[in-house]
Amino acid sequence: MARWSETWRAAEERRIVAEARQRSEAVLTGKLGEQFAPFWIDFPFAPGDVRFLGSPIDFVAFDGASDVRLGRAAELRRIVFVDIKTGDARLTPVQRRIKECVEAKRVRFQDIPIPKAVVKA
């Protein structure tokens, strides 16, 4: 009886390790895919217009920021929060709340100055 139990245990450990490795590879592949998304042919923004955040949203796209037209300053058309999803992935609860804030126009720009006493020239 002990021999069967040891055989089962060893087989179960191999199965668990194999599943963990497979999940880890899938996560790593997804993370790499997220970071390389701006270089895909059908990505809707110029790679120079996007900044990778990683979490909770993958990118912020500053659409048009990298354009240079006739020596003039670039025209910023819009700012877009971008999240890359693979397979059956869905927005996380935090991502849904961010989407709701954007859609409800509860987004703002805030500039925070550093006091002169902190920054010595």
Protein backbone atom coordinates (compact mmCIF):
# COMPACT_ATOMS: atom_id res chain seq x y z
CA MET A 1 0.00 0.00 0.00
CA ALA A 2 2.81 2.42 0.83
CA ARG A 3 4.42 1.86 -2.60
CA TRP A 4 1.19 2.81 -4.42
CA SER A 5 0.90 5.95 -2.26
CA GLU A 6 4.47 6.99 -3.05
CA THR A 7 3.94 6.40 -6.77
CA TRP A 8 0.71 8.41 -6.73
CA ARG A 9 2.35 11.21 -4.74
CA ALA A 10 5.30 11.46 -7.17
CA ALA A 11 2.94 11.49 -10.18
CA GLU A 12 0.75 14.14 -8.55
CA GLU A 13 3.77 16.32 -7.76
CA ARG A 14 4.93 16.09 -11.41
CA ARG A 15 1.43 17.03 -12.58
CA ILE A 16 1.27 20.04 -10.24
CA VAL A 17 4.73 21.25 -11.30
CA ALA A 18 3.82 20.87 -15.00
CA GLU A 19 0.57 22.83 -14.52
CA ALA A 20 2.37 25.59 -12.61
CA ARG A 21 5.02 25.82 -15.33
CA GLN A 22 2.35 26.02 -18.03
CA ARG A 23 0.48 28.80 -16.17
CA SER A 24 3.73 30.68 -15.59
CA GLU A 25 4.63 30.49 -19.28
CA ALA A 26 1.16 31.74 -20.25
CA VAL A 27 1.44 34.70 -17.86
CA LEU A 28 4.94 35.55 -19.10
CA THR A 29 3.84 35.31 -22.75
CA GLY A 30 0.89 37.60 -22.01
CA LYS A 31 3.08 40.16 -20.24
CA LEU A 32 5.58 40.19 -23.11
CA GLY A 33 2.73 40.53 -25.59
CA GLU A 34 1.40 43.53 -23.67
CA GLN A 35 4.73 45.33 -23.80
CA PHE A 36 5.28 44.65 -27.51
CA ALA A 37 1.71 45.53 -28.53
CA PRO A 38 2.63 49.04 -29.82
CA PHE A 39 4.86 47.42 -32.44
CA TRP A 40 2.11 45.23 -33.88
CA ILE A 41 1.08 46.22 -37.39
CA ASP A 42 -2.58 46.77 -36.43
CA PHE A 43 -1.96 48.65 -33.16
CA PRO A 44 -4.03 51.86 -33.48
CA PHE A 45 -1.40 54.25 -32.08
CA ALA A 46 2.16 55.14 -33.09
CA PRO A 47 4.66 53.42 -30.77
CA GLY A 48 6.12 56.83 -29.90
CA ASP A 49 2.73 57.95 -28.62
CA VAL A 50 2.30 55.28 -25.95
CA ARG A 51 3.74 54.93 -22.48
CA PHE A 52 3.71 51.57 -20.71
CA LEU A 53 2.26 51.56 -17.20
CA GLY A 54 1.65 47.84 -16.74
CA SER A 55 -0.85 48.13 -13.93
CA PRO A 56 -3.70 48.74 -13.52
CA ILE A 57 -3.84 49.77 -17.21
CA ASP A 58 -1.23 48.66 -19.73
CA PHE A 59 -0.70 51.94 -21.63
CA VAL A 60 -1.61 55.57 -21.89
CA ALA A 61 -1.62 56.71 -25.52
CA PHE A 62 -1.00 60.37 -26.30
CA ASP A 63 -2.41 60.16 -29.82
CA GLY A 64 -0.44 62.43 -32.13
CA ALA A 65 2.28 63.43 -29.66
CA SER A 66 5.06 61.94 -31.77
CA ASP A 67 3.89 63.48 -35.06
CA VAL A 68 6.05 66.16 -36.57
CA ARG A 69 4.35 68.03 -39.37
CA LEU A 70 6.20 70.66 -41.38
CA GLY A 71 8.38 71.58 -38.42
CA ARG A 72 5.39 72.52 -36.28
CA ALA A 73 4.58 71.19 -32.85
CA ALA A 74 2.70 67.91 -32.82
CA GLU A 75 -1.08 67.98 -32.58
CA LEU A 76 -2.31 66.01 -29.61
CA ARG A 77 -5.64 64.56 -30.74
CA ARG A 78 -6.65 62.62 -27.63
CA ILE A 79 -5.40 60.73 -24.61
CA VAL A 80 -6.49 57.09 -24.45
CA PHE A 81 -6.15 54.50 -21.70
CA VAL A 82 -5.29 51.19 -23.37
CA ASP A 83 -5.39 47.70 -21.91
CA ILE A 84 -4.34 44.63 -23.87
CA LYS A 85 -6.40 41.47 -23.41
CA THR A 86 -5.62 37.99 -24.65
CA GLY A 87 -7.94 35.02 -25.03
CA ASP A 88 -11.03 35.28 -22.82
CA ALA A 89 -9.52 37.86 -20.47
CA ARG A 90 -11.90 40.50 -19.15
CA LEU A 91 -11.40 43.84 -17.42
CA THR A 92 -10.57 43.52 -13.75
CA PRO A 93 -12.83 45.28 -11.24
CA VAL A 94 -10.29 48.12 -10.93
CA GLN A 95 -10.09 48.47 -14.73
CA ARG A 96 -13.90 48.63 -14.93
CA ARG A 97 -13.89 51.46 -12.34
CA ILE A 98 -11.23 53.32 -14.37
CA LYS A 99 -13.30 52.89 -17.53
CA GLU A 100 -16.36 54.24 -15.69
CA CYS A 101 -14.40 57.30 -14.50
CA VAL A 102 -13.18 58.03 -18.03
CA GLU A 103 -16.63 57.57 -19.56
CA ALA A 104 -18.19 59.83 -16.88
CA LYS A 105 -15.46 62.42 -17.58
CA ARG A 106 -14.18 62.19 -14.00
CA VAL A 107 -10.62 62.69 -15.25
CA ARG A 108 -8.44 65.72 -14.69
CA PHE A 109 -4.90 67.01 -15.02
CA GLN A 110 -3.03 68.05 -11.91
CA ASP A 111 0.35 69.65 -11.75
CA ILE A 112 2.12 69.49 -8.40
CA PRO A 113 5.05 71.88 -7.88
CA ILE A 114 8.00 70.87 -5.76
CA PRO A 115 8.77 73.56 -3.14
CA LYS A 116 11.96 75.55 -3.82
CA ALA A 117 13.29 74.56 -0.41
CA VAL A 118 13.32 70.93 -1.56
CA VAL A 119 15.02 71.61 -4.90
CA LYS A 120 18.29 73.50 -4.57
CA ALA A 121 19.49 75.14 -7.77
